[in-house]
Amino acid sequence: KGIIRNKLKIQSTINNAKQFLLIQKEFGSFDAYIWSFVNNKPI
């Protein structure tokens, strides 16, 4: 009862963890992937 008990959101969290790991494997880290969109410089 302490989380949002939405079936799609719960399943999404598990799925997104799997995809997150694939990005880590491809880019070395999720950090390297996500910050590449801004050339590592905040807007």
All heavy atoms as atom14 arrays in JSON, in Angstrom:
{
  "sequence": "KGIIRNKLKIQSTINNAKQFLLIQKEFGSFDAYIWSFVNNKPI",
  "atom14_mask": [
    [1, 1, 1, 1, 1, 1, 1, 1, 1, 0, 0, 0, 0, 0],
    [1, 1, 1, 1, 0, 0, 0, 0, 0, 0, 0, 0, 0, 0],
    [1, 1, 1, 1, 1, 1, 1, 1, 0, 0, 0, 0, 0, 0],
    [1, 1, 1, 1, 1, 1, 1, 1, 0, 0, 0, 0, 0, 0],
    [1, 1, 1, 1, 1, 1, 1, 1, 1, 1, 1, 0, 0, 0],
    [1, 1, 1, 1, 1, 1, 1, 1, 0, 0, 0, 0, 0, 0],
    [1, 1, 1, 1, 1, 1, 1, 1, 1, 0, 0, 0, 0, 0],
    [1, 1, 1, 1, 1, 1, 1, 1, 0, 0, 0, 0, 0, 0],
    [1, 1, 1, 1, 1, 1, 1, 1, 1, 0, 0, 0, 0, 0],
    [1, 1, 1, 1, 1, 1, 1, 1, 0, 0, 0, 0, 0, 0],
    [1, 1, 1, 1, 1, 1, 1, 1, 1, 0, 0, 0, 0, 0],
    [1, 1, 1, 1, 1, 1, 0, 0, 0, 0, 0, 0, 0, 0],
    [1, 1, 1, 1, 1, 1, 1, 0, 0, 0, 0, 0, 0, 0],
    [1, 1, 1, 1, 1, 1, 1, 1, 0, 0, 0, 0, 0, 0],
    [1, 1, 1, 1, 1, 1, 1, 1, 0, 0, 0, 0, 0, 0],
    [1, 1, 1, 1, 1, 1, 1, 1, 0, 0, 0, 0, 0, 0],
    [1, 1, 1, 1, 1, 0, 0, 0, 0, 0, 0, 0, 0, 0],
    [1, 1, 1, 1, 1, 1, 1, 1, 1, 0, 0, 0, 0, 0],
    [1, 1, 1, 1, 1, 1, 1, 1, 1, 0, 0, 0, 0, 0],
    [1, 1, 1, 1, 1, 1, 1, 1, 1, 1, 1, 0, 0, 0],
    [1, 1, 1, 1, 1, 1, 1, 1, 0, 0, 0, 0, 0, 0],
    [1, 1, 1, 1, 1, 1, 1, 1, 0, 0, 0, 0, 0, 0],
    [1, 1, 1, 1, 1, 1, 1, 1, 0, 0, 0, 0, 0, 0],
    [1, 1, 1, 1, 1, 1, 1, 1, 1, 0, 0, 0, 0, 0],
    [1, 1, 1, 1, 1, 1, 1, 1, 1, 0, 0, 0, 0, 0],
    [1, 1, 1, 1, 1, 1, 1, 1, 1, 0, 0, 0, 0, 0],
    [1, 1, 1, 1, 1, 1, 1, 1, 1, 1, 1, 0, 0, 0],
    [1, 1, 1, 1, 0, 0, 0, 0, 0, 0, 0, 0, 0, 0],
    [1, 1, 1, 1, 1, 1, 0, 0, 0, 0, 0, 0, 0, 0],
    [1, 1, 1, 1, 1, 1, 1, 1, 1, 1, 1, 0, 0, 0],
    [1, 1, 1, 1, 1, 1, 1, 1, 0, 0, 0, 0, 0, 0],
    [1, 1, 1, 1, 1, 0, 0, 0, 0, 0, 0, 0, 0, 0],
    [1, 1, 1, 1, 1, 1, 1, 1, 1, 1, 1, 1, 0, 0],
    [1, 1, 1, 1, 1, 1, 1, 1, 0, 0, 0, 0, 0, 0],
    [1, 1, 1, 1, 1, 1, 1, 1, 1, 1, 1, 1, 1, 1],
    [1, 1, 1, 1, 1, 1, 0, 0, 0, 0, 0, 0, 0, 0],
    [1, 1, 1, 1, 1, 1, 1, 1, 1, 1, 1, 0, 0, 0],
    [1, 1, 1, 1, 1, 1, 1, 0, 0, 0, 0, 0, 0, 0],
    [1, 1, 1, 1, 1, 1, 1, 1, 0, 0, 0, 0, 0, 0],
    [1, 1, 1, 1, 1, 1, 1, 1, 0, 0, 0, 0, 0, 0],
    [1, 1, 1, 1, 1, 1, 1, 1, 1, 0, 0, 0, 0, 0],
    [1, 1, 1, 1, 1, 1, 1, 0, 0, 0, 0, 0, 0, 0],
    [1, 1, 1, 1, 1, 1, 1, 1, 0, 0, 0, 0, 0, 0]
  ],
  "atom14_positions": [
    [[0.81, -1.22, 0.0], [0.0, 0.0, 0.0], [0.84, 1.27, 0.0], [0.32, 2.36, -0.16], [-0.95, 0.0, 1.21], [-1.98, -1.1, 1.13], [-2.88, -1.11, 2.35], [-3.87, -2.27, 2.22], [-4.7, -2.41, 3.38], [0.0, 0.0, 0.0], [0.0, 0.0, 0.0], [0.0, 0.0, 0.0], [0.0, 0.0, 0.0], [0.0, 0.0, 0.0]],
    [[2.15, 1.13, 0.16], [3.04, 2.29, 0.19], [3.5, 2.76, -1.17], [4.18, 3.78, -1.28], [0.0, 0.0, 0.0], [0.0, 0.0, 0.0], [0.0, 0.0, 0.0], [0.0, 0.0, 0.0], [0.0, 0.0, 0.0], [0.0, 0.0, 0.0], [0.0, 0.0, 0.0], [0.0, 0.0, 0.0], [0.0, 0.0, 0.0], [0.0, 0.0, 0.0]],
    [[3.16, 1.99, -2.23], [3.52, 2.4, -3.59], [2.23, 2.56, -4.41], [1.15, 2.2, -3.95], [4.46, 1.38, -4.27], [3.76, 0.03, -4.5], [5.75, 1.21, -3.47], [4.5, -0.92, -5.42], [0.0, 0.0, 0.0], [0.0, 0.0, 0.0], [0.0, 0.0, 0.0], [0.0, 0.0, 0.0], [0.0, 0.0, 0.0], [0.0, 0.0, 0.0]],
    [[2.38, 3.07, -5.6], [1.24, 3.15, -6.51], [1.06, 1.75, -7.11], [1.93, 1.26, -7.83], [1.49, 4.19, -7.64], [1.86, 5.55, -7.04], [0.3, 4.27, -8.58], [0.85, 6.13, -6.07], [0.0, 0.0, 0.0], [0.0, 0.0, 0.0], [0.0, 0.0, 0.0], [0.0, 0.0, 0.0], [0.0, 0.0, 0.0], [0.0, 0.0, 0.0]],
    [[-0.04, 1.11, -6.76], [-0.26, -0.28, -7.16], [-0.95, -0.37, -8.52], [-2.03, -0.91, -8.65], [-1.04, -1.01, -6.08], [-0.24, -1.12, -4.79], [-0.98, -1.82, -3.71], [-2.14, -1.03, -3.29], [-3.09, -1.46, -2.49], [-3.04, -2.66, -1.99], [-4.1, -0.68, -2.17], [0.0, 0.0, 0.0], [0.0, 0.0, 0.0], [0.0, 0.0, 0.0]],
    [[-0.27, 0.15, -9.51], [-0.77, 0.13, -10.87], [-0.01, -0.98, -11.61], [1.22, -0.96, -11.67], [-0.52, 1.5, -11.51], [-0.89, 1.56, -12.97], [-0.31, 0.87, -13.8], [-1.86, 2.4, -13.28], [0.0, 0.0, 0.0], [0.0, 0.0, 0.0], [0.0, 0.0, 0.0], [0.0, 0.0, 0.0], [0.0, 0.0, 0.0], [0.0, 0.0, 0.0]],
    [[-0.75, -1.93, -12.14], [-0.15, -3.1, -12.78], [0.84, -2.7, -13.87], [1.96, -3.22, -13.93], [-1.26, -3.98, -13.37], [-0.75, -5.23, -14.03], [-1.92, -6.06, -14.56], [-1.41, -7.34, -15.2], [-2.51, -8.16, -15.72], [0.0, 0.0, 0.0], [0.0, 0.0, 0.0], [0.0, 0.0, 0.0], [0.0, 0.0, 0.0], [0.0, 0.0, 0.0]],
    [[0.46, -1.77, -14.72], [1.33, -1.36, -15.82], [2.6, -0.67, -15.32], [3.69, -0.89, -15.85], [0.59, -0.44, -16.8], [-0.56, -1.09, -17.57], [-1.26, -0.05, -18.44], [-0.05, -2.25, -18.43], [0.0, 0.0, 0.0], [0.0, 0.0, 0.0], [0.0, 0.0, 0.0], [0.0, 0.0, 0.0], [0.0, 0.0, 0.0], [0.0, 0.0, 0.0]],
    [[2.47, 0.13, -14.27], [3.65, 0.83, -13.73], [4.6, -0.15, -13.05], [5.82, -0.01, -13.16], [3.22, 1.94, -12.77], [2.56, 3.11, -13.49], [2.12, 4.21, -12.53], [1.45, 5.34, -13.29], [1.03, 6.43, -12.39], [0.0, 0.0, 0.0], [0.0, 0.0, 0.0], [0.0, 0.0, 0.0], [0.0, 0.0, 0.0], [0.0, 0.0, 0.0]],
    [[4.07, -1.13, -12.36], [4.92, -2.14, -11.71], [5.65, -2.97, -12.76], [6.87, -3.16, -12.69], [4.09, -3.02, -10.76], [3.65, -2.19, -9.53], [4.88, -4.26, -10.32], [2.63, -2.89, -8.64], [0.0, 0.0, 0.0], [0.0, 0.0, 0.0], [0.0, 0.0, 0.0], [0.0, 0.0, 0.0], [0.0, 0.0, 0.0], [0.0, 0.0, 0.0]],
    [[4.92, -3.45, -13.76], [5.54, -4.24, -14.82], [6.55, -3.4, -15.6], [7.61, -3.89, -16.0], [4.47, -4.81, -15.75], [3.63, -5.88, -15.06], [2.44, -6.33, -15.89], [1.91, -5.59, -16.71], [2.01, -7.55, -15.65], [0.0, 0.0, 0.0], [0.0, 0.0, 0.0], [0.0, 0.0, 0.0], [0.0, 0.0, 0.0], [0.0, 0.0, 0.0]],
    [[6.23, -2.14, -15.78], [7.13, -1.22, -16.48], [8.45, -1.07, -15.74], [9.52, -1.01, -16.35], [6.45, 0.14, -16.64], [7.36, 1.1, -17.09], [0.0, 0.0, 0.0], [0.0, 0.0, 0.0], [0.0, 0.0, 0.0], [0.0, 0.0, 0.0], [0.0, 0.0, 0.0], [0.0, 0.0, 0.0], [0.0, 0.0, 0.0], [0.0, 0.0, 0.0]],
    [[8.39, -1.0, -14.42], [9.61, -0.85, -13.62], [10.54, -2.04, -13.84], [11.75, -1.86, -14.03], [9.25, -0.71, -12.12], [8.47, 0.47, -11.96], [10.5, -0.61, -11.26], [0.0, 0.0, 0.0], [0.0, 0.0, 0.0], [0.0, 0.0, 0.0], [0.0, 0.0, 0.0], [0.0, 0.0, 0.0], [0.0, 0.0, 0.0], [0.0, 0.0, 0.0]],
    [[9.99, -3.23, -13.87], [10.8, -4.43, -14.09], [11.36, -4.43, -15.52], [12.55, -4.66, -15.73], [9.98, -5.7, -13.79], [9.53, -5.69, -12.32], [10.78, -6.96, -14.13], [8.41, -6.67, -12.0], [0.0, 0.0, 0.0], [0.0, 0.0, 0.0], [0.0, 0.0, 0.0], [0.0, 0.0, 0.0], [0.0, 0.0, 0.0], [0.0, 0.0, 0.0]],
    [[10.51, -4.14, -16.47], [10.95, -4.06, -17.86], [12.04, -2.99, -18.03], [13.06, -3.22, -18.68], [9.77, -3.74, -18.78], [10.22, -3.43, -20.18], [10.68, -4.3, -20.91], [10.14, -2.17, -20.56], [0.0, 0.0, 0.0], [0.0, 0.0, 0.0], [0.0, 0.0, 0.0], [0.0, 0.0, 0.0], [0.0, 0.0, 0.0], [0.0, 0.0, 0.0]],
    [[11.81, -1.82, -17.46], [12.77, -0.73, -17.62], [14.11, -1.05, -16.97], [15.16, -0.61, -17.45], [12.19, 0.58, -17.08], [11.1, 1.13, -17.98], [10.83, 0.61, -19.07], [10.45, 2.19, -17.54], [0.0, 0.0, 0.0], [0.0, 0.0, 0.0], [0.0, 0.0, 0.0], [0.0, 0.0, 0.0], [0.0, 0.0, 0.0], [0.0, 0.0, 0.0]],
    [[14.08, -1.83, -15.9], [15.35, -2.26, -15.28], [16.14, -3.11, -16.27], [17.36, -2.95, -16.4], [15.08, -3.05, -14.0], [0.0, 0.0, 0.0], [0.0, 0.0, 0.0], [0.0, 0.0, 0.0], [0.0, 0.0, 0.0], [0.0, 0.0, 0.0], [0.0, 0.0, 0.0], [0.0, 0.0, 0.0], [0.0, 0.0, 0.0], [0.0, 0.0, 0.0]],
    [[15.46, -4.0, -16.99], [16.13, -4.84, -17.98], [16.72, -3.98, -19.11], [17.86, -4.2, -19.53], [15.15, -5.87, -18.55], [14.71, -6.89, -17.52], [13.6, -7.78, -18.06], [13.13, -8.73, -16.96], [11.98, -9.54, -17.37], [0.0, 0.0, 0.0], [0.0, 0.0, 0.0], [0.0, 0.0, 0.0], [0.0, 0.0, 0.0], [0.0, 0.0, 0.0]],
    [[15.95, -3.02, -19.57], [16.43, -2.14, -20.66], [17.58, -1.24, -20.17], [18.51, -0.96, -20.91], [15.28, -1.27, -21.2], [14.04, -2.03, -21.63], [14.3, -3.31, -22.39], [15.12, -3.34, -23.3], [13.62, -4.38, -22.01], [0.0, 0.0, 0.0], [0.0, 0.0, 0.0], [0.0, 0.0, 0.0], [0.0, 0.0, 0.0], [0.0, 0.0, 0.0]],
    [[17.49, -0.82, -18.93], [18.52, 0.01, -18.3], [19.86, -0.73, -18.32], [20.9, -0.16, -18.66], [18.09, 0.33, -16.87], [18.89, 1.39, -16.17], [18.51, 2.71, -16.22], [20.01, 1.05, -15.41], [19.23, 3.69, -15.55], [20.74, 2.01, -14.74], [20.35, 3.35, -14.81], [0.0, 0.0, 0.0], [0.0, 0.0, 0.0], [0.0, 0.0, 0.0]],
    [[19.82, -2.02, -17.97], [21.03, -2.85, -17.95], [21.62, -2.99, -19.36], [22.84, -3.0, -19.53], [20.74, -4.22, -17.35], [20.36, -4.23, -15.87], [19.93, -5.63, -15.45], [21.5, -3.73, -15.0], [0.0, 0.0, 0.0], [0.0, 0.0, 0.0], [0.0, 0.0, 0.0], [0.0, 0.0, 0.0], [0.0, 0.0, 0.0], [0.0, 0.0, 0.0]],
    [[20.76, -3.08, -20.36], [21.24, -3.17, -21.74], [21.95, -1.88, -22.16], [22.98, -1.93, -22.85], [20.08, -3.47, -22.7], [19.46, -4.86, -22.57], [18.24, -4.99, -23.48], [20.49, -5.94, -22.89], [0.0, 0.0, 0.0], [0.0, 0.0, 0.0], [0.0, 0.0, 0.0], [0.0, 0.0, 0.0], [0.0, 0.0, 0.0], [0.0, 0.0, 0.0]],
    [[21.43, -0.75, -21.74], [22.09, 0.52, -22.04], [23.43, 0.6, -21.32], [24.43, 1.04, -21.89], [21.18, 1.72, -21.68], [20.08, 1.85, -22.74], [21.98, 3.01, -21.58], [19.1, 2.97, -22.51], [0.0, 0.0, 0.0], [0.0, 0.0, 0.0], [0.0, 0.0, 0.0], [0.0, 0.0, 0.0], [0.0, 0.0, 0.0], [0.0, 0.0, 0.0]],
    [[23.46, 0.16, -20.06], [24.74, 0.14, -19.34], [25.77, -0.7, -20.08], [26.93, -0.31, -20.19], [24.55, -0.42, -17.92], [23.9, 0.52, -16.95], [23.77, -0.09, -15.57], [23.45, -1.26, -15.41], [24.0, 0.73, -14.55], [0.0, 0.0, 0.0], [0.0, 0.0, 0.0], [0.0, 0.0, 0.0], [0.0, 0.0, 0.0], [0.0, 0.0, 0.0]],
    [[25.34, -1.84, -20.58], [26.25, -2.73, -21.3], [26.74, -2.06, -22.59], [27.93, -2.12, -22.92], [25.54, -4.05, -21.62], [26.43, -5.1, -22.22], [25.69, -6.42, -22.37], [26.63, -7.46, -22.94], [25.96, -8.76, -23.12], [0.0, 0.0, 0.0], [0.0, 0.0, 0.0], [0.0, 0.0, 0.0], [0.0, 0.0, 0.0], [0.0, 0.0, 0.0]],
    [[25.84, -1.4, -23.31], [26.19, -0.78, -24.59], [27.08, 0.46, -24.42], [28.03, 0.66, -25.17], [24.92, -0.4, -25.35], [25.19, 0.25, -26.69], [23.93, 0.61, -27.46], [22.83, 0.15, -27.09], [24.04, 1.38, -28.44], [0.0, 0.0, 0.0], [0.0, 0.0, 0.0], [0.0, 0.0, 0.0], [0.0, 0.0, 0.0], [0.0, 0.0, 0.0]],
    [[26.77, 1.3, -23.43], [27.45, 2.59, -23.28], [28.45, 2.64, -22.13], [29.12, 3.65, -21.95], [26.42, 3.71, -23.08], [25.6, 4.0, -24.31], [24.45, 3.28, -24.57], [25.99, 4.99, -25.21], [23.69, 3.55, -25.71], [25.25, 5.26, -26.34], [24.09, 4.52, -26.59], [0.0, 0.0, 0.0], [0.0, 0.0, 0.0], [0.0, 0.0, 0.0]],
    [[28.52, 1.58, -21.33], [29.39, 1.57, -20.17], [28.69, 2.04, -18.91], [29.03, 1.63, -17.81], [0.0, 0.0, 0.0], [0.0, 0.0, 0.0], [0.0, 0.0, 0.0], [0.0, 0.0, 0.0], [0.0, 0.0, 0.0], [0.0, 0.0, 0.0], [0.0, 0.0, 0.0], [0.0, 0.0, 0.0], [0.0, 0.0, 0.0], [0.0, 0.0, 0.0]],
    [[27.7, 2.89, -19.08], [26.86, 3.37, -17.96], [25.63, 4.05, -18.55], [25.66, 4.51, -19.7], [27.61, 4.35, -17.07], [27.89, 5.55, -17.77], [0.0, 0.0, 0.0], [0.0, 0.0, 0.0], [0.0, 0.0, 0.0], [0.0, 0.0, 0.0], [0.0, 0.0, 0.0], [0.0, 0.0, 0.0], [0.0, 0.0, 0.0], [0.0, 0.0, 0.0]],
    [[24.58, 4.09, -17.76], [23.4, 4.85, -18.2], [23.74, 6.34, -18.2], [23.27, 7.09, -19.05], [22.2, 4.57, -17.27], [20.91, 5.17, -17.79], [20.18, 4.5, -18.75], [20.44, 6.38, -17.32], [18.98, 5.04, -19.24], [19.26, 6.93, -17.8], [18.53, 6.25, -18.76], [0.0, 0.0, 0.0], [0.0, 0.0, 0.0], [0.0, 0.0, 0.0]],
    [[24.59, 6.74, -17.27], [25.06, 8.12, -17.19], [25.67, 8.56, -18.53], [25.33, 9.63, -19.05], [26.08, 8.24, -16.05], [26.71, 9.61, -15.98], [25.99, 10.59, -15.72], [27.93, 9.7, -16.18], [0.0, 0.0, 0.0], [0.0, 0.0, 0.0], [0.0, 0.0, 0.0], [0.0, 0.0, 0.0], [0.0, 0.0, 0.0], [0.0, 0.0, 0.0]],
    [[26.56, 7.76, -19.08], [27.19, 8.1, -20.36], [26.15, 8.24, -21.46], [26.22, 9.15, -22.3], [28.23, 7.05, -20.74], [0.0, 0.0, 0.0], [0.0, 0.0, 0.0], [0.0, 0.0, 0.0], [0.0, 0.0, 0.0], [0.0, 0.0, 0.0], [0.0, 0.0, 0.0], [0.0, 0.0, 0.0], [0.0, 0.0, 0.0], [0.0, 0.0, 0.0]],
    [[25.17, 7.36, -21.46], [24.09, 7.4, -22.46], [23.25, 8.67, -22.33], [23.12, 9.44, -23.28], [23.21, 6.15, -22.33], [21.87, 6.28, -22.99], [21.73, 6.16, -24.37], [20.71, 6.54, -22.23], [20.49, 6.3, -24.98], [19.48, 6.67, -22.84], [19.37, 6.56, -24.21], [18.14, 6.7, -24.82], [0.0, 0.0, 0.0], [0.0, 0.0, 0.0]],
    [[22.7, 8.9, -21.14], [21.72, 9.98, -20.99], [22.37, 11.36, -21.11], [21.8, 12.28, -21.7], [20.89, 9.82, -19.68], [19.58, 10.6, -19.77], [21.67, 10.22, -18.45], [18.59, 10.07, -20.78], [0.0, 0.0, 0.0], [0.0, 0.0, 0.0], [0.0, 0.0, 0.0], [0.0, 0.0, 0.0], [0.0, 0.0, 0.0], [0.0, 0.0, 0.0]],
    [[23.57, 11.51, -20.59], [24.24, 12.81, -20.66], [24.81, 13.09, -22.05], [25.15, 14.24, -22.37], [25.29, 12.93, -19.56], [24.66, 13.27, -18.25], [24.23, 12.41, -17.28], [24.34, 14.57, -17.77], [23.67, 13.09, -16.23], [23.73, 14.43, -16.5], [24.52, 15.86, -18.28], [23.29, 15.52, -15.75], [24.09, 16.95, -17.53], [23.48, 16.76, -16.28]],
    [[24.91, 12.06, -22.89], [25.39, 12.29, -24.26], [24.42, 13.15, -25.06], [24.82, 13.82, -26.02], [25.64, 10.96, -24.98], [24.42, 10.31, -25.3], [0.0, 0.0, 0.0], [0.0, 0.0, 0.0], [0.0, 0.0, 0.0], [0.0, 0.0, 0.0], [0.0, 0.0, 0.0], [0.0, 0.0, 0.0], [0.0, 0.0, 0.0], [0.0, 0.0, 0.0]],
    [[23.16, 13.17, -24.66], [22.16, 13.98, -25.36], [22.44, 15.48, -25.22], [21.95, 16.27, -26.02], [20.75, 13.66, -24.85], [20.21, 12.35, -25.34], [20.33, 11.2, -24.57], [19.58, 12.25, -26.57], [19.84, 9.98, -25.01], [19.08, 11.03, -27.03], [19.22, 9.9, -26.25], [0.0, 0.0, 0.0], [0.0, 0.0, 0.0], [0.0, 0.0, 0.0]],
    [[23.21, 15.86, -24.2], [23.55, 17.28, -23.98], [25.06, 17.49, -23.95], [25.55, 18.47, -23.38], [22.89, 17.82, -22.69], [21.37, 17.89, -22.83], [23.28, 16.99, -21.46], [0.0, 0.0, 0.0], [0.0, 0.0, 0.0], [0.0, 0.0, 0.0], [0.0, 0.0, 0.0], [0.0, 0.0, 0.0], [0.0, 0.0, 0.0], [0.0, 0.0, 0.0]],
    [[25.8, 16.56, -24.56], [27.27, 16.64, -24.56], [27.84, 16.86, -23.16], [28.78, 17.63, -22.97], [27.75, 17.73, -25.52], [27.39, 17.41, -26.96], [27.52, 16.27, -27.38], [26.93, 18.4, -27.69], [0.0, 0.0, 0.0], [0.0, 0.0, 0.0], [0.0, 0.0, 0.0], [0.0, 0.0, 0.0], [0.0, 0.0, 0.0], [0.0, 0.0, 0.0]],
    [[27.21, 16.2, -22.18], [27.65, 16.25, -20.77], [27.61, 17.64, -20.15], [28.28, 17.89, -19.16], [29.05, 15.63, -20.62], [29.05, 14.18, -21.01], [28.24, 13.4, -20.53], [29.93, 13.81, -21.92], [0.0, 0.0, 0.0], [0.0, 0.0, 0.0], [0.0, 0.0, 0.0], [0.0, 0.0, 0.0], [0.0, 0.0, 0.0], [0.0, 0.0, 0.0]],
    [[26.81, 18.53, -20.72], [26.71, 19.89, -20.19], [25.24, 20.23, -19.93], [24.43, 20.23, -20.86], [27.31, 20.88, -21.18], [27.4, 22.28, -20.63], [28.16, 23.19, -21.57], [28.42, 24.5, -20.88], [27.72, 25.61, -21.35], [0.0, 0.0, 0.0], [0.0, 0.0, 0.0], [0.0, 0.0, 0.0], [0.0, 0.0, 0.0], [0.0, 0.0, 0.0]],
    [[24.89, 20.52, -18.67], [23.49, 20.84, -18.36], [22.99, 22.06, -19.15], [23.76, 22.98, -19.43], [23.51, 21.16, -16.86], [24.78, 20.57, -16.34], [25.74, 20.59, -17.48], [0.0, 0.0, 0.0], [0.0, 0.0, 0.0], [0.0, 0.0, 0.0], [0.0, 0.0, 0.0], [0.0, 0.0, 0.0], [0.0, 0.0, 0.0], [0.0, 0.0, 0.0]],
    [[21.72, 22.03, -19.46], [21.06, 23.16, -20.11], [20.53, 24.07, -19.01], [19.84, 23.61, -18.1], [19.89, 22.67, -20.97], [20.4, 21.77, -22.1], [19.08, 23.84, -21.52], [19.3, 20.99, -22.79], [0.0, 0.0, 0.0], [0.0, 0.0, 0.0], [0.0, 0.0, 0.0], [0.0, 0.0, 0.0], [0.0, 0.0, 0.0], [0.0, 0.0, 0.0]]
  ]
}
